[in-house]
Amino acid sequence: MTKFFKQASIAVFVFIGLPIIIGLTLIVRKAIKNAPPPTISKADSIKIKRDSIQAATWAAAEEEKKHPKNWYYRADEDPMTSDTVYYATVSPKENISVRTNREIMKVSVTETGGDNRSGRAYDDGYRNGYNNAKRNTNSFWGNRSSSYTSTPKKRTTTTSSTNYASAYLTFTLVKKPGKETDAYIDMADGAFNPSYFNGGQGLHIRFDKDKDAYYPTLGDKAQSGRVLYLASTKGFLAKLKKAKTMLIEVDVANTGRFVLEFDVHDLDWKRS
């Protein structure tokens, strides 16, 4: 009798109780899914908006660091006079590569021959450095082998190429108290055409959409060939302070001519 009740209880649970449990579970899940979202208080809404604005401001500030301002300023004290010397430097929007005389590749390979090698159906001496080979052939008369030998060859190959390096040009203004402002363009690698330094050539500079103008040039005292001064900045600074873009055509020795574009707006001399 007891066994019968156990079996009956199990049957009742399987056919009646279990479906009820499954049904209740599905009803609860559906109710949770369709429940309205929790209401957000006005204070929470303001806080979320404020946090969003702060995050956007922080992201914009981080992006600004990746794109520095057009002019870079610094101020140094002259040790002899204690006068403050102001510098303003700007780099072109795109750097250039210049040709140098440095040798970046020199490969010497010496190949020599050795003993005969079997299993070759052709003479690969040119490729592997020797002219020895042995050929096996099959014919009606059976296996035969033939070989030929020549003097081992020695071959030396030397390869070199020309190197190109980034020039890293910059344009700089130097303001000293009581003196005319100096302006020069310099490069970290390479050299300007020598004719810039003997009066045979000058810089062509264009501001915005104006016509380009010719400016005579001078070299630095060290005669490095990498620093090019404007002989005079009279009239030049007035145009520079009004311009947004400055184009300078430079002639680099052993490389060629380039037109450099500078973003020069909002020049501020008293900034350091």
C-alpha atoms as a PDB file:
ATOM      1  CA  MET A   1       0.000   0.000   0.000  1.00  0.00           C
ATOM      2  CA  THR A   2       2.804   2.295   0.924  1.00  0.00           C
ATOM      3  CA  LYS A   3       4.537   1.576  -2.360  1.00  0.00           C
ATOM      4  CA  PHE A   4       1.338   2.428  -4.224  1.00  0.00           C
ATOM      5  CA  PHE A   5       1.036   5.829  -2.483  1.00  0.00           C
ATOM      6  CA  LYS A   6       4.665   6.660  -3.278  1.00  0.00           C
ATOM      7  CA  GLN A   7       4.150   5.908  -6.938  1.00  0.00           C
ATOM      8  CA  ALA A   8       0.905   7.889  -6.963  1.00  0.00           C
ATOM      9  CA  SER A   9       2.575  10.882  -5.291  1.00  0.00           C
ATOM     10  CA  ILE A  10       5.362  10.876  -7.854  1.00  0.00           C
ATOM     11  CA  ALA A  11       2.866  10.681 -10.690  1.00  0.00           C
ATOM     12  CA  VAL A  12       0.826  13.573  -9.254  1.00  0.00           C
ATOM     13  CA  PHE A  13       3.991  15.696  -8.892  1.00  0.00           C
ATOM     14  CA  VAL A  14       5.170  14.944 -12.422  1.00  0.00           C
ATOM     15  CA  PHE A  15       1.862  15.491 -14.182  1.00  0.00           C
ATOM     16  CA  ILE A  16       0.365  18.260 -12.010  1.00  0.00           C
ATOM     17  CA  GLY A  17       2.923  19.879  -9.703  1.00  0.00           C
ATOM     18  CA  LEU A  18       5.798  20.219 -12.167  1.00  0.00           C
ATOM     19  CA  PRO A  19       3.720  21.973 -14.878  1.00  0.00           C
ATOM     20  CA  ILE A  20       2.413  24.393 -12.232  1.00  0.00           C
ATOM     21  CA  ILE A  21       5.966  25.261 -11.117  1.00  0.00           C
ATOM     22  CA  ILE A  22       7.124  25.773 -14.715  1.00  0.00           C
ATOM     23  CA  GLY A  23       4.106  27.950 -15.464  1.00  0.00           C
ATOM     24  CA  LEU A  24       4.677  30.136 -12.400  1.00  0.00           C
ATOM     25  CA  THR A  25       8.335  30.558 -13.351  1.00  0.00           C
ATOM     26  CA  LEU A  26       7.442  31.735 -16.856  1.00  0.00           C
ATOM     27  CA  ILE A  27       4.836  34.158 -15.489  1.00  0.00           C
ATOM     28  CA  VAL A  28       7.356  35.707 -13.080  1.00  0.00           C
ATOM     29  CA  ARG A  29       9.981  36.068 -15.826  1.00  0.00           C
ATOM     30  CA  LYS A  30       7.504  37.772 -18.144  1.00  0.00           C
ATOM     31  CA  ALA A  31       6.409  40.121 -15.393  1.00  0.00           C
ATOM     32  CA  ILE A  32      10.004  41.115 -14.649  1.00  0.00           C
ATOM     33  CA  LYS A  33      10.721  41.647 -18.350  1.00  0.00           C
ATOM     34  CA  ASN A  34       7.652  43.837 -18.871  1.00  0.00           C
ATOM     35  CA  ALA A  35       8.105  45.830 -15.684  1.00  0.00           C
ATOM     36  CA  PRO A  36       8.491  49.597 -16.258  1.00  0.00           C
ATOM     37  CA  PRO A  37      12.005  50.965 -15.805  1.00  0.00           C
ATOM     38  CA  PRO A  38      12.765  52.502 -12.440  1.00  0.00           C
ATOM     39  CA  THR A  39      12.116  56.207 -12.299  1.00  0.00           C
ATOM     40  CA  ILE A  40      15.152  58.519 -12.157  1.00  0.00           C
ATOM     41  CA  SER A  41      14.974  61.420  -9.788  1.00  0.00           C
ATOM     42  CA  LYS A  42      15.700  64.955 -10.940  1.00  0.00           C
ATOM     43  CA  ALA A  43      18.880  65.023  -8.861  1.00  0.00           C
ATOM     44  CA  ASP A  44      20.121  61.807 -10.440  1.00  0.00           C
ATOM     45  CA  SER A  45      19.331  63.155 -13.908  1.00  0.00           C
ATOM     46  CA  ILE A  46      21.333  66.335 -13.240  1.00  0.00           C
ATOM     47  CA  LYS A  47      24.255  64.301 -11.893  1.00  0.00           C
ATOM     48  CA  ILE A  48      24.284  62.015 -14.941  1.00  0.00           C
ATOM     49  CA  LYS A  49      24.231  65.019 -17.265  1.00  0.00           C
ATOM     50  CA  ARG A  50      27.026  66.727 -15.327  1.00  0.00           C
ATOM     51  CA  ASP A  51      29.181  63.586 -15.382  1.00  0.00           C
ATOM     52  CA  SER A  52      28.597  63.254 -19.121  1.00  0.00           C
ATOM     53  CA  ILE A  53      29.701  66.856 -19.719  1.00  0.00           C
ATOM     54  CA  GLN A  54      32.798  66.374 -17.548  1.00  0.00           C
ATOM     55  CA  ALA A  55      33.709  63.203 -19.447  1.00  0.00           C
ATOM     56  CA  ALA A  56      33.322  64.979 -22.794  1.00  0.00           C
ATOM     57  CA  THR A  57      35.411  67.929 -21.561  1.00  0.00           C
ATOM     58  CA  TRP A  58      38.152  65.602 -20.333  1.00  0.00           C
ATOM     59  CA  ALA A  59      38.174  63.724 -23.650  1.00  0.00           C
ATOM     60  CA  ALA A  60      38.429  67.005 -25.572  1.00  0.00           C
ATOM     61  CA  ALA A  61      41.321  68.150 -23.357  1.00  0.00           C
ATOM     62  CA  GLU A  62      43.175  64.887 -23.943  1.00  0.00           C
ATOM     63  CA  GLU A  63      42.672  65.207 -27.692  1.00  0.00           C
ATOM     64  CA  GLU A  64      43.942  68.804 -27.580  1.00  0.00           C
ATOM     65  CA  LYS A  65      47.226  67.592 -26.078  1.00  0.00           C
ATOM     66  CA  LYS A  66      47.820  65.515 -29.211  1.00  0.00           C
ATOM     67  CA  HIS A  67      47.591  68.646 -31.381  1.00  0.00           C
ATOM     68  CA  PRO A  68      49.724  71.431 -29.852  1.00  0.00           C
ATOM     69  CA  LYS A  69      49.157  75.076 -30.739  1.00  0.00           C
ATOM     70  CA  ASN A  70      50.706  76.482 -33.866  1.00  0.00           C
ATOM     71  CA  TRP A  71      53.378  78.522 -32.070  1.00  0.00           C
ATOM     72  CA  TYR A  72      55.695  77.232 -29.366  1.00  0.00           C
ATOM     73  CA  TYR A  73      57.039  79.974 -27.082  1.00  0.00           C
ATOM     74  CA  ARG A  74      59.946  80.239 -24.691  1.00  0.00           C
ATOM     75  CA  ALA A  75      61.889  83.036 -22.980  1.00  0.00           C
ATOM     76  CA  ASP A  76      65.561  82.924 -21.991  1.00  0.00           C
ATOM     77  CA  GLU A  77      67.654  85.374 -20.003  1.00  0.00           C
ATOM     78  CA  ASP A  78      70.793  86.733 -21.624  1.00  0.00           C
ATOM     79  CA  PRO A  79      73.602  85.945 -19.124  1.00  0.00           C
ATOM     80  CA  MET A  80      75.577  89.050 -20.132  1.00  0.00           C
ATOM     81  CA  THR A  81      72.818  91.664 -20.050  1.00  0.00           C
ATOM     82  CA  SER A  82      70.018  89.951 -18.058  1.00  0.00           C
ATOM     83  CA  ASP A  83      67.672  90.934 -20.872  1.00  0.00           C
ATOM     84  CA  THR A  84      64.860  88.574 -21.743  1.00  0.00           C
ATOM     85  CA  VAL A  85      65.075  87.067 -25.212  1.00  0.00           C
ATOM     86  CA  TYR A  86      61.810  85.756 -26.643  1.00  0.00           C
ATOM     87  CA  TYR A  87      61.546  82.849 -29.064  1.00  0.00           C
ATOM     88  CA  ALA A  88      58.583  81.722 -31.130  1.00  0.00           C
ATOM     89  CA  THR A  89      58.918  78.498 -33.112  1.00  0.00           C
ATOM     90  CA  VAL A  90      56.560  76.748 -35.491  1.00  0.00           C
ATOM     91  CA  SER A  91      56.913  73.499 -37.435  1.00  0.00           C
ATOM     92  CA  PRO A  92      55.502  72.782 -40.895  1.00  0.00           C
ATOM     93  CA  LYS A  93      52.325  70.772 -41.183  1.00  0.00           C
ATOM     94  CA  GLU A  94      54.232  67.983 -42.933  1.00  0.00           C
ATOM     95  CA  ASN A  95      57.840  66.978 -42.472  1.00  0.00           C
ATOM     96  CA  ILE A  96      60.146  66.177 -45.387  1.00  0.00           C
ATOM     97  CA  SER A  97      62.854  63.577 -45.992  1.00  0.00           C
ATOM     98  CA  VAL A  98      66.248  64.639 -47.302  1.00  0.00           C
ATOM     99  CA  ARG A  99      68.965  62.686 -49.011  1.00  0.00           C
ATOM    100  CA  THR A 100      72.199  62.075 -47.099  1.00  0.00           C
ATOM    101  CA  ASN A 101      75.527  60.500 -48.001  1.00  0.00           C
ATOM    102  CA  ARG A 102      75.445  57.941 -45.223  1.00  0.00           C
ATOM    103  CA  GLU A 103      75.774  54.351 -46.403  1.00  0.00           C
ATOM    104  CA  ILE A 104      73.115  52.229 -44.767  1.00  0.00           C
ATOM    105  CA  MET A 105      73.769  48.934 -46.539  1.00  0.00           C
ATOM    106  CA  LYS A 106      77.048  47.256 -47.412  1.00  0.00           C
ATOM    107  CA  VAL A 107      76.862  43.525 -47.983  1.00  0.00           C
ATOM    108  CA  SER A 108      79.885  41.455 -49.023  1.00  0.00           C
ATOM    109  CA  VAL A 109      79.246  37.809 -49.880  1.00  0.00           C
ATOM    110  CA  THR A 110      82.049  35.405 -50.825  1.00  0.00           C
ATOM    111  CA  GLU A 111      81.062  32.039 -52.276  1.00  0.00           C
ATOM    112  CA  THR A 112      83.471  29.164 -52.965  1.00  0.00           C
ATOM    113  CA  GLY A 113      83.096  25.638 -54.392  1.00  0.00           C
ATOM    114  CA  GLY A 114      83.622  22.233 -52.778  1.00  0.00           C
ATOM    115  CA  ASP A 115      83.498  18.506 -53.691  1.00  0.00           C
ATOM    116  CA  ASN A 116      81.141  16.938 -56.213  1.00  0.00           C
ATOM    117  CA  ARG A 117      77.603  16.504 -55.028  1.00  0.00           C
ATOM    118  CA  SER A 118      75.304  13.720 -56.166  1.00  0.00           C
ATOM    119  CA  GLY A 119      71.646  13.855 -56.974  1.00  0.00           C
ATOM    120  CA  ARG A 120      71.912  17.026 -59.097  1.00  0.00           C
ATOM    121  CA  ALA A 121      70.450  17.021 -62.591  1.00  0.00           C
ATOM    122  CA  TYR A 122      71.992  20.361 -63.436  1.00  0.00           C
ATOM    123  CA  ASP A 123      74.966  22.521 -62.610  1.00  0.00           C
ATOM    124  CA  ASP A 124      73.894  25.042 -60.008  1.00  0.00           C
ATOM    125  CA  GLY A 125      77.317  26.539 -59.549  1.00  0.00           C
ATOM    126  CA  TYR A 126      76.249  30.099 -60.274  1.00  0.00           C
ATOM    127  CA  ARG A 127      73.567  29.964 -57.657  1.00  0.00           C
ATOM    128  CA  ASN A 128      75.460  28.125 -54.926  1.00  0.00           C
ATOM    129  CA  GLY A 129      79.031  29.169 -55.587  1.00  0.00           C
ATOM    130  CA  TYR A 130      80.604  26.133 -57.257  1.00  0.00           C
ATOM    131  CA  ASN A 131      80.470  24.376 -60.619  1.00  0.00           C
ATOM    132  CA  ASN A 132      80.561  20.767 -59.499  1.00  0.00           C
ATOM    133  CA  ALA A 133      77.685  18.383 -60.141  1.00  0.00           C
ATOM    134  CA  LYS A 134      76.949  14.717 -60.606  1.00  0.00           C
ATOM    135  CA  ARG A 135      74.071  13.434 -62.718  1.00  0.00           C
ATOM    136  CA  ASN A 136      72.413   9.985 -62.377  1.00  0.00           C
ATOM    137  CA  THR A 137      70.452   8.653 -65.363  1.00  0.00           C
ATOM    138  CA  ASN A 138      68.362   5.548 -65.985  1.00  0.00           C
ATOM    139  CA  SER A 139      68.357   3.887 -69.384  1.00  0.00           C
ATOM    140  CA  PHE A 140      67.726   0.573 -71.124  1.00  0.00           C
ATOM    141  CA  TRP A 141      71.312  -0.451 -70.316  1.00  0.00           C
ATOM    142  CA  GLY A 142      70.907   0.193 -66.578  1.00  0.00           C
ATOM    143  CA  ASN A 143      71.918   2.949 -64.203  1.00  0.00           C
ATOM    144  CA  ARG A 144      74.759   5.175 -65.310  1.00  0.00           C
ATOM    145  CA  SER A 145      76.355   8.186 -63.727  1.00  0.00           C
ATOM    146  CA  SER A 146      78.344  10.983 -65.218  1.00  0.00           C
ATOM    147  CA  SER A 147      80.079  13.873 -63.540  1.00  0.00           C
ATOM    148  CA  TYR A 148      81.966  16.971 -64.541  1.00  0.00           C
ATOM    149  CA  THR A 149      84.140  19.191 -62.446  1.00  0.00           C
ATOM    150  CA  SER A 150      85.361  22.724 -62.906  1.00  0.00           C
ATOM    151  CA  THR A 151      87.506  24.988 -60.800  1.00  0.00           C
ATOM    152  CA  PRO A 152      85.578  26.254 -57.741  1.00  0.00           C
ATOM    153  CA  LYS A 153      84.581  29.828 -58.264  1.00  0.00           C
ATOM    154  CA  LYS A 154      84.912  32.676 -55.782  1.00  0.00           C
ATOM    155  CA  ARG A 155      82.479  35.530 -56.068  1.00  0.00           C
ATOM    156  CA  THR A 156      82.188  38.653 -53.920  1.00  0.00           C
ATOM    157  CA  THR A 157      79.101  40.863 -54.104  1.00  0.00           C
ATOM    158  CA  THR A 158      78.940  44.320 -52.516  1.00  0.00           C
ATOM    159  CA  THR A 159      75.700  46.291 -52.344  1.00  0.00           C
ATOM    160  CA  SER A 160      75.156  49.815 -51.046  1.00  0.00           C
ATOM    161  CA  SER A 161      72.314  52.323 -51.118  1.00  0.00           C
ATOM    162  CA  THR A 162      71.615  55.967 -50.321  1.00  0.00           C
ATOM    163  CA  ASN A 163      69.989  56.911 -47.050  1.00  0.00           C
ATOM    164  CA  TYR A 164      67.091  59.329 -46.533  1.00  0.00           C
ATOM    165  CA  ALA A 165      66.457  61.025 -43.193  1.00  0.00           C
ATOM    166  CA  SER A 166      63.764  63.290 -41.740  1.00  0.00           C
ATOM    167  CA  ALA A 167      64.787  66.938 -41.959  1.00  0.00           C
ATOM    168  CA  TYR A 168      62.682  68.215 -39.005  1.00  0.00           C
ATOM    169  CA  LEU A 169      62.550  71.814 -40.222  1.00  0.00           C
ATOM    170  CA  THR A 170      61.381  74.642 -37.967  1.00  0.00           C
ATOM    171  CA  PHE A 171      60.812  78.362 -38.437  1.00  0.00           C
ATOM    172  CA  THR A 172      61.843  80.577 -35.518  1.00  0.00           C
ATOM    173  CA  LEU A 173      61.511  84.227 -34.571  1.00  0.00           C
ATOM    174  CA  VAL A 174      63.958  85.732 -32.040  1.00  0.00           C
ATOM    175  CA  LYS A 175      63.062  88.978 -30.284  1.00  0.00           C
ATOM    176  CA  LYS A 176      65.814  90.829 -28.409  1.00  0.00           C
ATOM    177  CA  PRO A 177      65.149  94.125 -26.588  1.00  0.00           C
ATOM    178  CA  GLY A 178      66.054  97.147 -28.682  1.00  0.00           C
ATOM    179  CA  LYS A 179      66.984  95.073 -31.721  1.00  0.00           C
ATOM    180  CA  GLU A 180      65.296  94.020 -34.921  1.00  0.00           C
ATOM    181  CA  THR A 181      63.572  90.666 -34.753  1.00  0.00           C
ATOM    182  CA  ASP A 182      65.525  87.847 -36.357  1.00  0.00           C
ATOM    183  CA  ALA A 183      63.823  85.141 -38.398  1.00  0.00           C
ATOM    184  CA  TYR A 184      65.417  81.905 -39.514  1.00  0.00           C
ATOM    185  CA  ILE A 185      64.552  78.445 -40.766  1.00  0.00           C
ATOM    186  CA  ASP A 186      66.691  75.490 -39.742  1.00  0.00           C
ATOM    187  CA  MET A 187      66.843  71.758 -40.332  1.00  0.00           C
ATOM    188  CA  ALA A 188      68.111  68.914 -38.150  1.00  0.00           C
ATOM    189  CA  ASP A 189      69.454  66.834 -41.031  1.00  0.00           C
ATOM    190  CA  GLY A 190      70.592  67.594 -44.546  1.00  0.00           C
ATOM    191  CA  ALA A 191      71.663  71.050 -45.760  1.00  0.00           C
ATOM    192  CA  PHE A 192      70.271  73.960 -47.751  1.00  0.00           C
ATOM    193  CA  ASN A 193      71.528  74.714 -51.235  1.00  0.00           C
ATOM    194  CA  PRO A 194      74.888  76.563 -50.923  1.00  0.00           C
ATOM    195  CA  SER A 195      73.672  79.360 -53.219  1.00  0.00           C
ATOM    196  CA  TYR A 196      71.483  80.620 -50.347  1.00  0.00           C
ATOM    197  CA  PHE A 197      74.628  81.700 -48.496  1.00  0.00           C
ATOM    198  CA  ASN A 198      76.487  83.564 -51.256  1.00  0.00           C
ATOM    199  CA  GLY A 199      73.693  85.806 -52.505  1.00  0.00           C
ATOM    200  CA  GLY A 200      72.823  83.646 -55.469  1.00  0.00           C
ATOM    201  CA  GLN A 201      69.472  82.526 -54.085  1.00  0.00           C
ATOM    202  CA  GLY A 202      66.829  83.657 -51.587  1.00  0.00           C
ATOM    203  CA  LEU A 203      63.586  82.415 -50.062  1.00  0.00           C
ATOM    204  CA  HIS A 204      60.214  82.748 -51.755  1.00  0.00           C
ATOM    205  CA  ILE A 205      57.517  83.219 -49.090  1.00  0.00           C
ATOM    206  CA  ARG A 206      53.772  83.509 -49.548  1.00  0.00           C
ATOM    207  CA  PHE A 207      51.170  84.542 -46.961  1.00  0.00           C
ATOM    208  CA  ASP A 208      47.626  83.218 -47.365  1.00  0.00           C
ATOM    209  CA  LYS A 209      46.450  84.008 -50.922  1.00  0.00           C
ATOM    210  CA  ASP A 210      48.866  86.908 -51.531  1.00  0.00           C
ATOM    211  CA  LYS A 211      51.538  86.761 -54.197  1.00  0.00           C
ATOM    212  CA  ASP A 212      54.829  85.268 -53.098  1.00  0.00           C
ATOM    213  CA  ALA A 213      57.664  87.637 -52.195  1.00  0.00           C
ATOM    214  CA  TYR A 214      61.428  87.224 -52.451  1.00  0.00           C
ATOM    215  CA  TYR A 215      63.572  87.563 -49.306  1.00  0.00           C
ATOM    216  CA  PRO A 216      67.410  87.604 -49.381  1.00  0.00           C
ATOM    217  CA  THR A 217      69.071  85.184 -46.973  1.00  0.00           C
ATOM    218  CA  LEU A 218      72.184  84.808 -44.825  1.00  0.00           C
ATOM    219  CA  GLY A 219      73.880  81.834 -43.200  1.00  0.00           C
ATOM    220  CA  ASP A 220      74.671  81.341 -39.525  1.00  0.00           C
ATOM    221  CA  LYS A 221      78.070  82.174 -38.019  1.00  0.00           C
ATOM    222  CA  ALA A 222      78.996  78.499 -37.783  1.00  0.00           C
ATOM    223  CA  GLN A 223      78.359  78.085 -41.530  1.00  0.00           C
ATOM    224  CA  SER A 224      76.609  74.790 -40.850  1.00  0.00           C
ATOM    225  CA  GLY A 225      74.476  74.960 -43.976  1.00  0.00           C
ATOM    226  CA  ARG A 226      71.421  74.026 -41.891  1.00  0.00           C
ATOM    227  CA  VAL A 227      70.375  77.493 -40.662  1.00  0.00           C
ATOM    228  CA  LEU A 228      69.014  80.114 -43.037  1.00  0.00           C
ATOM    229  CA  TYR A 229      68.353  83.688 -41.789  1.00  0.00           C
ATOM    230  CA  LEU A 230      66.268  86.326 -43.499  1.00  0.00           C
ATOM    231  CA  ALA A 231      68.626  89.215 -44.244  1.00  0.00           C
ATOM    232  CA  SER A 232      65.956  91.592 -42.925  1.00  0.00           C
ATOM    233  CA  THR A 233      62.514  91.226 -41.363  1.00  0.00           C
ATOM    234  CA  LYS A 234      61.293  94.733 -42.192  1.00  0.00           C
ATOM    235  CA  GLY A 235      57.868  94.394 -43.778  1.00  0.00           C
ATOM    236  CA  PHE A 236      57.954  90.660 -43.160  1.00  0.00           C
ATOM    237  CA  LEU A 237      56.648  90.737 -39.572  1.00  0.00           C
ATOM    238  CA  ALA A 238      53.685  92.959 -40.446  1.00  0.00           C
ATOM    239  CA  LYS A 239      52.519  90.388 -42.993  1.00  0.00           C
ATOM    240  CA  LEU A 240      53.240  87.486 -40.665  1.00  0.00           C
ATOM    241  CA  LYS A 241      51.135  88.888 -37.813  1.00  0.00           C
ATOM    242  CA  LYS A 242      48.102  89.236 -40.102  1.00  0.00           C
ATOM    243  CA  ALA A 243      48.438  85.875 -41.856  1.00  0.00           C
ATOM    244  CA  LYS A 244      46.948  82.506 -41.051  1.00  0.00           C
ATOM    245  CA  THR A 245      49.150  80.443 -43.368  1.00  0.00           C
ATOM    246  CA  MET A 246      52.733  80.893 -44.520  1.00  0.00           C
ATOM    247  CA  LEU A 247      54.285  78.988 -47.427  1.00  0.00           C
ATOM    248  CA  ILE A 248      58.074  78.812 -47.805  1.00  0.00           C
ATOM    249  CA  GLU A 249      59.841  77.229 -50.767  1.00  0.00           C
ATOM    250  CA  VAL A 250      63.190  75.706 -49.802  1.00  0.00           C
ATOM    251  CA  ASP A 251      65.900  74.155 -51.951  1.00  0.00           C
ATOM    252  CA  VAL A 252      67.647  71.265 -50.176  1.00  0.00           C
ATOM    253  CA  ALA A 253      71.063  70.177 -51.398  1.00  0.00           C
ATOM    254  CA  ASN A 254      71.136  66.809 -53.207  1.00  0.00           C
ATOM    255  CA  THR A 255      67.378  66.403 -52.706  1.00  0.00           C
ATOM    256  CA  GLY A 256      65.306  69.096 -54.421  1.00  0.00           C
ATOM    257  CA  ARG A 257      62.741  71.818 -53.789  1.00  0.00           C
ATOM    258  CA  PHE A 258      59.925  71.636 -51.264  1.00  0.00           C
ATOM    259  CA  VAL A 259      57.056  73.951 -50.338  1.00  0.00           C
ATOM    260  CA  LEU A 260      56.524  74.012 -46.572  1.00  0.00           C
ATOM    261  CA  GLU A 261      53.187  75.096 -45.106  1.00  0.00           C
ATOM    262  CA  PHE A 262      53.074  76.680 -41.622  1.00  0.00           C
ATOM    263  CA  ASP A 263      50.078  77.580 -39.464  1.00  0.00           C
ATOM    264  CA  VAL A 264      51.103  81.027 -38.162  1.00  0.00           C
ATOM    265  CA  HIS A 265      47.913  82.648 -36.881  1.00  0.00           C
ATOM    266  CA  ASP A 266      47.668  84.348 -33.445  1.00  0.00           C
ATOM    267  CA  LEU A 267      51.342  85.215 -32.970  1.00  0.00           C
ATOM    268  CA  ASP A 268      51.905  86.468 -29.400  1.00  0.00           C
ATOM    269  CA  TRP A 269      55.353  87.838 -28.558  1.00  0.00           C
ATOM    270  CA  LYS A 270      54.978  88.183 -24.782  1.00  0.00           C
ATOM    271  CA  ARG A 271      54.098  84.554 -24.287  1.00  0.00           C
ATOM    272  CA  SER A 272      56.726  82.209 -22.882  1.00  0.00           C
END
